[in-house]
Protein backbone atom coordinates (compact mmCIF):
# COMPACT_ATOMS: atom_id res chain seq x y z
CA MET A 1 -10.19 1.32 -157.68
CA GLU A 2 -10.76 4.44 -155.61
CA ASP A 3 -9.16 4.88 -152.25
CA ASP A 4 -11.38 4.60 -149.23
CA PRO A 5 -12.13 7.87 -147.48
CA PRO A 6 -9.85 8.72 -144.61
CA VAL A 7 -11.01 8.06 -141.10
CA THR A 8 -11.51 11.16 -138.99
CA SER A 9 -11.15 11.22 -135.25
CA THR A 10 -10.94 13.80 -132.52
CA ALA A 11 -7.58 14.76 -131.10
CA PRO A 12 -8.32 13.32 -127.63
CA SER A 13 -9.42 9.97 -129.05
CA ARG A 14 -6.33 9.87 -131.26
CA ARG A 15 -4.10 10.58 -128.27
CA ARG A 16 -5.81 7.82 -126.29
CA GLY A 17 -5.38 5.43 -129.20
CA LEU A 18 -1.67 6.27 -129.51
CA ALA A 19 -1.21 5.87 -125.76
CA LEU A 20 -2.83 2.43 -125.87
CA ILE A 21 -0.61 1.43 -128.81
CA ALA A 22 2.46 2.59 -126.88
CA VAL A 23 1.38 0.56 -123.83
CA ALA A 24 0.79 -2.51 -126.02
CA ILE A 25 4.24 -2.13 -127.61
CA VAL A 26 5.97 -1.85 -124.23
CA LEU A 27 4.07 -4.78 -122.69
CA THR A 28 4.85 -6.93 -125.72
CA ALA A 29 8.53 -6.04 -125.44
CA LEU A 30 8.47 -7.04 -121.77
CA ASN A 31 7.66 -10.60 -122.90
CA LEU A 32 10.02 -10.95 -125.85
CA ARG A 33 12.91 -12.54 -123.92
CA THR A 34 11.39 -14.10 -120.78
CA ALA A 35 11.04 -17.52 -122.44
CA VAL A 36 14.75 -17.40 -123.28
CA THR A 37 16.48 -15.95 -120.23
CA SER A 38 14.57 -18.12 -117.75
CA VAL A 39 16.35 -21.22 -119.13
CA GLY A 40 20.05 -20.46 -118.57
CA PRO A 41 20.07 -20.29 -114.74
CA VAL A 42 18.29 -23.69 -114.48
CA LEU A 43 19.93 -25.36 -117.49
CA GLU A 44 21.64 -27.96 -115.32
CA GLU A 45 18.33 -28.88 -113.68
CA ILE A 46 16.68 -29.13 -117.10
CA GLU A 47 19.47 -31.46 -118.29
CA ARG A 48 18.89 -33.72 -115.29
CA GLY A 49 15.12 -33.52 -115.47
CA LEU A 50 14.99 -34.45 -119.16
CA GLY A 51 18.01 -36.78 -119.04
CA ILE A 52 19.86 -35.05 -121.89
CA SER A 53 23.51 -34.50 -122.80
CA SER A 54 25.50 -31.26 -123.00
CA GLY A 55 25.13 -31.31 -126.78
CA LEU A 56 21.33 -31.45 -126.53
CA ALA A 57 21.49 -28.66 -123.95
CA GLY A 58 23.20 -26.65 -126.69
CA VAL A 59 20.21 -27.34 -128.91
CA ILE A 60 17.93 -25.97 -126.17
CA THR A 61 19.91 -22.73 -125.99
CA THR A 62 20.00 -22.39 -129.79
CA MET A 63 16.38 -23.33 -130.48
CA PRO A 64 14.93 -19.93 -129.46
CA VAL A 65 17.28 -18.07 -131.77
CA LEU A 66 16.46 -20.28 -134.75
CA CYS A 67 12.75 -19.90 -134.00
CA PHE A 68 13.16 -16.13 -133.98
CA ALA A 69 14.61 -16.41 -137.49
CA LEU A 70 12.20 -18.92 -139.02
CA ILE A 71 8.99 -17.72 -137.40
CA GLY A 72 9.94 -14.07 -137.92
CA PHE A 73 9.85 -14.57 -141.69
CA THR A 74 6.14 -15.44 -141.46
CA GLY A 75 5.42 -11.93 -140.20
CA PRO A 76 4.93 -10.40 -143.70
CA ALA A 77 2.31 -12.95 -144.77
CA LEU A 78 0.44 -12.68 -141.47
CA SER A 79 0.61 -8.89 -141.48
CA ALA A 80 -0.75 -8.80 -145.04
CA ARG A 81 -3.72 -10.99 -144.13
CA TYR A 82 -4.67 -9.95 -140.60
CA ARG A 83 -4.61 -6.91 -138.35
CA ASP A 84 -1.25 -6.61 -136.63
CA ALA A 85 -3.03 -6.31 -133.28
CA HIS A 86 -4.56 -9.74 -133.89
CA VAL A 87 -1.26 -11.18 -135.12
CA LEU A 88 0.55 -10.04 -131.99
CA ALA A 89 -2.29 -11.07 -129.65
CA GLY A 90 -2.38 -14.54 -131.19
CA ALA A 91 1.41 -14.80 -131.00
CA LEU A 92 1.42 -13.93 -127.31
CA VAL A 93 -1.35 -16.45 -126.57
CA ALA A 94 0.71 -19.08 -128.42
CA MET A 95 3.67 -18.05 -126.29
CA GLY A 96 1.72 -18.67 -123.10
CA GLY A 97 0.63 -22.09 -124.35
CA GLY A 98 4.17 -23.01 -125.33
CA LEU A 99 5.54 -22.03 -121.92
CA ALA A 100 2.95 -24.26 -120.26
CA LEU A 101 3.69 -27.16 -122.62
CA ARG A 102 7.45 -27.19 -122.18
CA SER A 103 7.18 -26.85 -118.40
CA ALA A 104 5.10 -30.05 -118.38
CA ALA A 105 7.31 -31.92 -120.86
CA GLY A 106 8.60 -35.31 -119.78
CA GLY A 107 11.03 -35.69 -122.67
CA PHE A 108 13.25 -33.73 -125.03
CA PRO A 109 10.96 -33.71 -128.15
CA LEU A 110 7.98 -32.27 -126.27
CA PHE A 111 10.24 -29.71 -124.59
CA LEU A 112 11.45 -28.54 -128.00
CA THR A 113 7.87 -28.39 -129.31
CA GLY A 114 6.86 -26.19 -126.38
CA THR A 115 9.93 -24.02 -126.90
CA ALA A 116 9.07 -23.47 -130.58
CA LEU A 117 5.52 -22.47 -129.65
CA ALA A 118 6.75 -20.18 -126.88
CA MET A 119 9.01 -18.37 -129.34
CA VAL A 120 6.12 -17.28 -131.60
CA GLY A 121 5.45 -14.17 -129.51
CA GLY A 122 9.08 -13.14 -129.44
CA ALA A 123 9.69 -13.80 -133.14
CA LEU A 124 6.71 -11.83 -134.44
CA GLY A 125 7.20 -9.06 -131.90
CA ASN A 126 10.81 -8.71 -133.00
CA VAL A 127 9.95 -7.95 -136.62
CA LEU A 128 6.69 -6.02 -136.20
CA LEU A 129 7.53 -3.58 -133.39
CA PRO A 130 10.03 -1.40 -135.36
CA GLY A 131 7.42 -0.83 -138.07
CA LEU A 132 4.80 0.08 -135.48
CA VAL A 133 7.15 2.67 -133.99
CA LYS A 134 7.98 4.14 -137.41
CA ARG A 135 4.30 4.36 -138.36
CA TYR A 136 2.77 5.77 -135.20
CA PHE A 137 5.70 7.62 -133.59
CA PRO A 138 7.92 8.82 -136.49
CA THR A 139 9.21 11.86 -134.61
CA ARG A 140 9.88 9.92 -131.39
CA THR A 141 11.86 6.96 -132.70
CA GLY A 142 14.56 7.22 -130.03
CA THR A 143 12.05 7.56 -127.19
CA LEU A 144 9.83 4.64 -128.22
CA VAL A 145 12.71 2.32 -129.14
CA GLY A 146 14.28 3.23 -125.80
CA ALA A 147 11.05 2.44 -123.97
CA TYR A 148 10.46 -0.93 -125.56
CA SER A 149 14.10 -2.05 -125.50
CA THR A 150 14.19 -1.12 -121.80
CA ALA A 151 11.03 -3.16 -121.23
CA MET A 152 12.61 -6.05 -123.11
CA GLY A 153 15.68 -5.83 -120.88
CA LEU A 154 13.52 -5.63 -117.76
CA GLY A 155 11.65 -8.79 -118.71
CA ALA A 156 14.91 -10.57 -119.47
CA THR A 157 16.37 -9.47 -116.13
CA LEU A 158 13.37 -10.53 -114.07
CA ALA A 159 13.26 -13.93 -115.76
CA ALA A 160 16.99 -14.52 -115.24
CA VAL A 161 17.09 -13.38 -111.60
CA ALA A 162 13.89 -15.15 -110.55
CA ALA A 163 14.53 -18.50 -112.24
CA GLN A 164 16.75 -20.11 -109.61
CA PRO A 165 14.85 -18.78 -106.54
CA VAL A 166 11.54 -19.95 -108.01
CA ALA A 167 13.06 -23.35 -108.80
CA ASP A 168 14.52 -23.68 -105.29
CA ALA A 169 11.23 -22.73 -103.65
CA SER A 170 9.15 -25.14 -105.75
CA GLY A 171 10.69 -28.48 -104.87
CA PRO A 172 12.62 -31.13 -106.83
CA ALA A 173 11.04 -30.22 -110.20
CA GLY A 174 11.07 -26.50 -109.48
CA TRP A 175 12.64 -25.67 -112.85
CA ARG A 176 9.22 -26.33 -114.40
CA TRP A 177 7.66 -23.53 -112.36
CA ALA A 178 10.58 -21.24 -113.19
CA LEU A 179 9.65 -21.60 -116.87
CA VAL A 180 5.85 -21.47 -116.75
CA VAL A 181 5.32 -18.38 -114.57
CA TRP A 182 6.02 -16.12 -117.56
CA ALA A 183 2.87 -17.24 -119.36
CA LEU A 184 0.76 -14.79 -117.30
CA PRO A 185 2.38 -11.51 -118.48
CA ALA A 186 2.23 -12.79 -122.07
CA LEU A 187 -1.54 -13.22 -121.77
CA VAL A 188 -1.90 -9.76 -120.23
CA ALA A 189 -0.08 -8.20 -123.21
CA ALA A 190 -2.32 -10.17 -125.60
CA GLY A 191 -5.37 -8.70 -123.88
CA VAL A 192 -4.15 -5.14 -124.48
CA TRP A 193 -3.72 -5.78 -128.22
CA LEU A 194 -7.23 -7.19 -128.38
CA ALA A 195 -8.53 -4.03 -126.70
CA LEU A 196 -7.35 -1.91 -129.65
CA PRO A 197 -10.36 -1.14 -131.88
CA ALA A 198 -10.17 -1.23 -135.66
CA SER A 199 -11.05 2.01 -137.39
CA PRO A 200 -14.07 1.78 -139.69
CA GLY A 201 -13.75 2.60 -143.34
CA VAL A 202 -10.24 1.36 -144.07
CA SER A 203 -9.55 -1.19 -146.78
CA ARG A 204 -7.13 -4.02 -147.37
CA ASP A 205 -7.72 -4.04 -151.11
CA SER A 206 -4.72 -1.78 -151.66
CA HIS A 207 -1.45 -2.90 -150.09
CA THR A 208 1.55 -0.72 -149.47
CA ALA A 209 4.60 -2.93 -149.81
CA VAL A 210 8.25 -3.25 -150.64
CA ARG A 211 10.24 -6.07 -152.19
CA MET A 212 12.25 -7.57 -149.37
CA GLY A 213 14.44 -9.61 -151.73
CA ALA A 214 15.73 -6.41 -153.34
CA LEU A 215 17.41 -5.39 -150.06
CA VAL A 216 20.27 -7.72 -150.95
CA HIS A 217 21.41 -4.91 -153.28
CA SER A 218 21.89 -2.56 -150.33
CA PRO A 219 25.35 -2.73 -148.66
CA THR A 220 23.82 -1.02 -145.63
CA ALA A 221 21.07 -3.64 -145.31
CA LEU A 222 23.69 -6.41 -145.49
CA ALA A 223 25.86 -4.65 -142.91
CA LEU A 224 22.89 -4.20 -140.58
CA THR A 225 22.08 -7.90 -140.93
CA ALA A 226 25.65 -8.86 -139.99
CA PHE A 227 25.68 -6.29 -137.17
CA PHE A 228 22.41 -7.60 -135.76
CA GLY A 229 23.49 -11.21 -136.17
CA VAL A 230 26.80 -10.98 -134.33
CA GLN A 231 25.45 -8.81 -131.50
CA ALA A 232 22.60 -11.31 -131.03
CA LEU A 233 25.16 -14.14 -131.07
CA GLN A 234 26.96 -12.44 -128.17
CA ALA A 235 23.73 -12.03 -126.23
CA TYR A 236 22.56 -15.62 -126.64
CA VAL A 237 25.92 -17.07 -125.71
CA VAL A 238 25.73 -14.98 -122.53
CA ILE A 239 22.11 -15.94 -121.86
CA GLY A 240 22.57 -19.62 -122.66
CA TRP A 241 25.99 -20.43 -121.26
CA SER A 242 27.50 -17.79 -118.96
CA ALA A 243 25.62 -18.95 -115.85
CA GLN A 244 26.66 -22.57 -116.43
CA TYR A 245 30.25 -21.48 -117.11
CA LEU A 246 30.34 -19.61 -113.80
CA ARG A 247 28.88 -22.63 -112.00
CA ASP A 248 31.52 -24.88 -113.54
CA SER A 249 34.16 -22.35 -112.42
CA GLY A 250 33.17 -22.94 -108.80
CA MET A 251 30.27 -20.60 -108.10
CA SER A 252 26.92 -21.58 -106.65
CA ALA A 253 23.87 -21.74 -108.90
CA ALA A 254 22.28 -18.79 -107.08
CA THR A 255 25.38 -16.59 -107.46
CA ALA A 256 25.72 -17.46 -111.14
CA GLY A 257 22.07 -16.59 -111.69
CA LEU A 258 22.51 -13.26 -109.89
CA LEU A 259 25.50 -12.40 -112.09
CA LEU A 260 23.45 -13.15 -115.18
CA GLY A 261 20.74 -10.95 -113.71
CA LEU A 262 23.34 -8.21 -113.08
CA ASN A 263 24.29 -8.42 -116.75
CA SER A 264 20.66 -7.79 -117.71
CA LEU A 265 20.14 -5.16 -115.00
CA VAL A 266 23.07 -3.03 -116.16
CA GLY A 267 21.57 -3.02 -119.62
CA LEU A 268 18.28 -1.44 -118.47
CA PRO A 269 19.40 2.21 -118.18
CA LEU A 270 21.55 1.76 -121.28
CA SER A 271 18.51 0.59 -123.25
CA ALA A 272 16.71 3.78 -122.27
CA VAL A 273 19.58 6.11 -123.20
CA ILE A 274 21.33 4.56 -126.21
CA PRO A 275 18.50 5.00 -128.77
CA SER A 276 18.33 8.73 -128.00
CA LEU A 277 22.10 8.96 -128.51
CA THR A 278 22.04 6.85 -131.67
CA VAL A 279 19.68 9.24 -133.47
CA ARG A 280 22.56 11.77 -133.34
CA PRO A 281 24.82 10.84 -136.29
CA ARG A 282 28.03 12.22 -134.79
CA LEU A 283 27.71 9.93 -131.75
CA GLN A 284 27.12 6.65 -133.60
CA ARG A 285 30.72 5.61 -134.27
CA PRO A 286 32.04 6.67 -130.84
CA LEU A 287 29.27 4.55 -129.29
CA LEU A 288 30.27 1.62 -131.49
CA LEU A 289 33.90 1.86 -130.34
CA VAL A 290 32.81 1.89 -126.69
CA PHE A 291 30.76 -1.27 -127.23
CA VAL A 292 33.64 -3.08 -128.95
CA ALA A 293 36.16 -2.14 -126.24
CA CYS A 294 33.83 -3.26 -123.44
CA TYR A 295 33.11 -6.56 -125.18
CA VAL A 296 36.81 -7.36 -125.57
CA ALA A 297 37.68 -6.43 -121.99
CA GLY A 298 34.70 -8.32 -120.55
CA TRP A 299 35.20 -11.53 -122.51
CA VAL A 300 38.96 -11.65 -121.91
CA GLY A 301 38.47 -11.01 -118.19
CA LEU A 302 35.78 -13.68 -117.87
CA TRP A 303 38.01 -16.13 -119.75
CA THR A 304 41.22 -15.58 -117.81
CA THR A 305 39.99 -14.77 -114.28
CA PRO A 306 36.32 -15.78 -113.99
CA THR A 307 36.19 -15.77 -110.18
CA THR A 308 38.36 -12.69 -109.50
CA ALA A 309 35.94 -9.94 -110.48
CA PRO A 310 33.04 -11.63 -112.27
CA TRP A 311 30.72 -8.69 -111.56
CA LEU A 312 33.09 -6.42 -113.51
CA TRP A 313 33.36 -8.76 -116.50
CA MET A 314 29.59 -9.27 -116.68
CA THR A 315 29.07 -5.51 -116.39
CA LEU A 316 31.50 -4.77 -119.23
CA ILE A 317 29.82 -7.37 -121.43
CA ALA A 318 26.47 -5.78 -120.55
CA VAL A 319 27.72 -2.41 -121.81
CA GLY A 320 28.82 -4.09 -125.04
CA MET A 321 25.35 -5.59 -125.36
CA GLY A 322 24.04 -2.04 -125.59
CA SER A 323 24.79 -2.52 -129.30
CA PHE A 324 21.36 -4.20 -129.44
CA SER A 325 19.53 -0.94 -128.73
CA MET A 326 21.80 0.77 -131.21
CA VAL A 327 21.05 -1.59 -134.09
CA LEU A 328 17.30 -1.49 -133.38
CA THR A 329 17.43 2.29 -133.70
CA LEU A 330 19.58 2.14 -136.84
CA ILE A 331 16.98 -0.07 -138.55
CA GLY A 332 14.51 2.82 -138.25
CA LEU A 333 17.05 5.46 -139.24
CA ARG A 334 18.38 3.73 -142.36
CA ALA A 335 15.02 3.54 -144.17
CA ARG A 336 12.83 6.36 -145.45
CA THR A 337 9.34 4.89 -144.98
CA PRO A 338 7.54 2.63 -142.49
CA GLU A 339 7.15 0.06 -145.29
CA THR A 340 10.90 -0.14 -145.84
CA VAL A 341 11.52 -0.21 -142.10
CA ALA A 342 9.20 -3.21 -141.75
CA ALA A 343 10.93 -5.03 -144.62
CA LEU A 344 14.40 -4.14 -143.34
CA SER A 345 13.44 -5.26 -139.83
CA THR A 346 12.26 -8.65 -141.11
CA VAL A 347 15.32 -9.26 -143.28
CA THR A 348 17.83 -7.95 -140.73
CA GLN A 349 16.41 -9.83 -137.76
CA GLY A 350 15.40 -12.95 -139.67
CA TRP A 351 18.81 -13.64 -141.19
CA GLY A 352 20.55 -12.08 -138.19
CA TYR A 353 19.04 -14.68 -135.89
CA VAL A 354 20.17 -17.42 -138.27
CA VAL A 355 23.71 -16.15 -137.70
CA ALA A 356 23.11 -15.81 -133.96
CA GLY A 357 21.75 -19.34 -133.67
CA SER A 358 25.10 -20.85 -134.55
CA GLY A 359 26.75 -19.43 -131.43
CA PRO A 360 25.06 -21.25 -128.51
CA LEU A 361 24.88 -24.47 -130.53
CA LEU A 362 28.61 -24.43 -131.30
CA VAL A 363 29.40 -23.66 -127.67
CA GLY A 364 27.43 -26.73 -126.56
CA VAL A 365 29.00 -28.97 -129.18
CA LEU A 366 32.57 -27.78 -128.49
CA ARG A 367 32.04 -28.07 -124.75
CA GLY A 368 30.87 -31.66 -125.21
CA VAL A 369 33.83 -32.53 -127.47
CA THR A 370 36.65 -30.71 -125.64
CA GLY A 371 35.31 -30.58 -122.08
CA SER A 372 36.20 -26.87 -121.86
CA TYR A 373 34.77 -23.45 -122.63
CA THR A 374 37.65 -22.23 -124.81
CA GLY A 375 35.45 -22.47 -127.89
CA MET A 376 32.90 -20.13 -126.32
CA PHE A 377 35.44 -17.34 -125.94
CA VAL A 378 36.95 -17.81 -129.38
CA ILE A 379 33.46 -17.59 -130.93
CA ALA A 380 32.57 -14.52 -128.86
CA LEU A 381 35.75 -12.58 -129.66
CA ALA A 382 35.57 -13.42 -133.37
CA GLY A 383 32.02 -12.09 -133.31
CA VAL A 384 33.22 -8.82 -131.76
CA ALA A 385 35.63 -8.33 -134.68
CA VAL A 386 32.79 -8.80 -137.18
CA LEU A 387 30.58 -6.47 -135.15
CA ALA A 388 33.18 -3.70 -135.36
CA VAL A 389 33.38 -3.86 -139.17
CA ALA A 390 29.64 -4.29 -139.80
CA GLY A 391 28.78 -1.57 -137.30
CA TRP A 392 31.16 0.88 -138.99
CA VAL A 393 29.41 0.34 -142.34
CA SER A 394 25.96 0.53 -140.74
CA THR A 395 26.69 3.96 -139.27
CA ARG A 396 27.17 5.61 -142.67
CA GLN A 397 24.49 8.26 -143.14
CA VAL A 398 22.65 6.64 -146.07
CA PHE A 399 19.23 5.10 -146.73
CA VAL A 400 18.74 1.54 -147.95
CA ASP A 401 15.89 2.80 -150.17
CA ASP A 402 18.34 4.94 -152.15
CA GLU A 403 20.91 2.15 -152.48
CA VAL A 404 18.32 -0.30 -153.82
CA GLU A 405 16.84 2.23 -156.25
CA ARG A 406 20.29 2.85 -157.75
CA SER A 407 20.91 -0.88 -158.23
CA VAL A 408 17.45 -2.16 -159.20
CA PRO A 409 15.80 -0.19 -162.02
CA GLY A 410 12.07 0.12 -161.48
CA TRP A 411 12.21 -0.81 -157.81
CA SER A 412 9.75 1.12 -155.71
CA ARG A 413 9.93 1.49 -151.97
CA ALA A 414 6.12 1.43 -151.89
CA GLY A 415 4.98 -0.69 -154.82
CA ARG A 416 2.89 -3.79 -155.29
CA CYS A 417 4.87 -7.01 -155.15
CA THR A 418 4.69 -10.72 -154.44
CA ASP A 419 6.61 -10.85 -151.16
CA VAL A 420 4.31 -8.31 -149.60
CA LEU A 421 4.84 -6.78 -146.21
CA GLU A 422 2.25 -4.22 -145.19
CA THR A 423 2.75 -1.29 -142.95
CA ALA A 424 2.76 -2.64 -139.43
CA GLY A 425 0.05 -1.19 -137.27
CA ALA A 426 -2.70 -1.85 -134.84
CA GLU A 427 -5.32 -1.09 -137.48
CA PRO A 428 -5.77 -2.29 -141.05
CA PRO A 429 -3.65 0.14 -143.09
CA ALA A 430 -5.44 2.64 -145.29
CA THR A 431 -4.17 3.77 -148.67
CA ALA A 432 -1.84 6.61 -147.85
CA SER A 433 0.38 9.22 -149.38
CA VAL A 434 3.86 9.25 -147.91
CA THR A 435 6.27 12.11 -147.76
CA GLU A 436 9.88 11.05 -147.35
CA ALA A 437 11.42 11.11 -143.93
CA ALA A 438 14.17 13.58 -143.28
CA PRO A 439 17.63 12.28 -142.31
CA GLY A 440 17.83 11.21 -138.71
CA GLY A 441 14.56 9.33 -138.72
CA ARG A 442 12.23 12.34 -138.33
CA ALA A 443 9.22 12.61 -140.57
CA ALA A 444 9.42 15.38 -143.17
CA GLY A 445 5.67 15.53 -143.58
CA PRO A 446 2.37 13.95 -142.63
CA ARG A 447 1.26 10.46 -143.54
CA GLY A 448 -2.48 9.99 -143.61
CA GLY A 449 -5.27 8.01 -145.19
């Protein structure tokens, strides 16, 4: 079968198309965490409104993370069948519907159903955005990852800070409004994806793919999965339980919500800067050590003296959470092609969120059994130890493609396979020749149809 002819376009139209893709990526990222961070500050009100126990509240805080894992694994099949712009637009529309459903829920099962639906946008955005960046902006990985991780942090911050004020201003069932208001920006982002035109003349008859299962033979891929998993565990324990812990330590709901918002706010400038630092190999391990030290100091301080300087402890933990931007950047740097990046992103984030999901759930269960938060801090500090080891391995200057090729004879980073994951993009991918990326995540040559 002959390849379809490449699509030609003028430079101005290409620039406009890339600008629109960048806007769509950033707006999508803005919505990836709003459905999650809006819950923690009003968790007590949700418990009362639904009549549930502390253990079931733990399920609520864990449900988003598990959805990120399970739904994220559907990304390859959807990407192989439909345009990624349509996949992401549909996911964001589903997110808006889920937010509306759970805000109207009168019982726990319907609330969980709405939560699962609301997580579709976040789950598919998680796994598809790194591939989009690698495909369309290969020489600006740090800049684009910085932009969309900053947008993600901004959305998380706004949702966390606004939740309690919106709830207070909306009456006895105000927590419902605090959850549903985030449906509107999700629908706006969906509209931008739908505005992206498909290029004529490209074909889906030839798929560029990698075998995701073969990544188990890469020590770096396994380390990245552990790194992503434990840093996400830290984040979702903070998002799900820190505000309630501060309230139980004697603070008002509004103050606890503001401290959670401070945690997210501190992360915004870090999200913009850390990817650009991570692309410099000599800075990767020093950055890792800073994150580990801040995590330890923040968690120990919050555990021993929660009301003495809570702003300091939440700030230190926020600096440690900068490891999220670091691992997102490393996913792009540790693979040679956009195809491998997309596969590595799916495997790393899918299984990583399975690991992360255990954290908030265990915190809720242990709190219900023991009546204290000791379990939360033991889990968090153990996770920091794992993060240090996995991060050290992940910062070796190697490519997962090379590790798999040495271990699996006949494996091709861009071959036809059963568990197919196409190049992520706003348009149907054309058959393309790929020149390998140079170390550091910069493209060594052009990639075209």
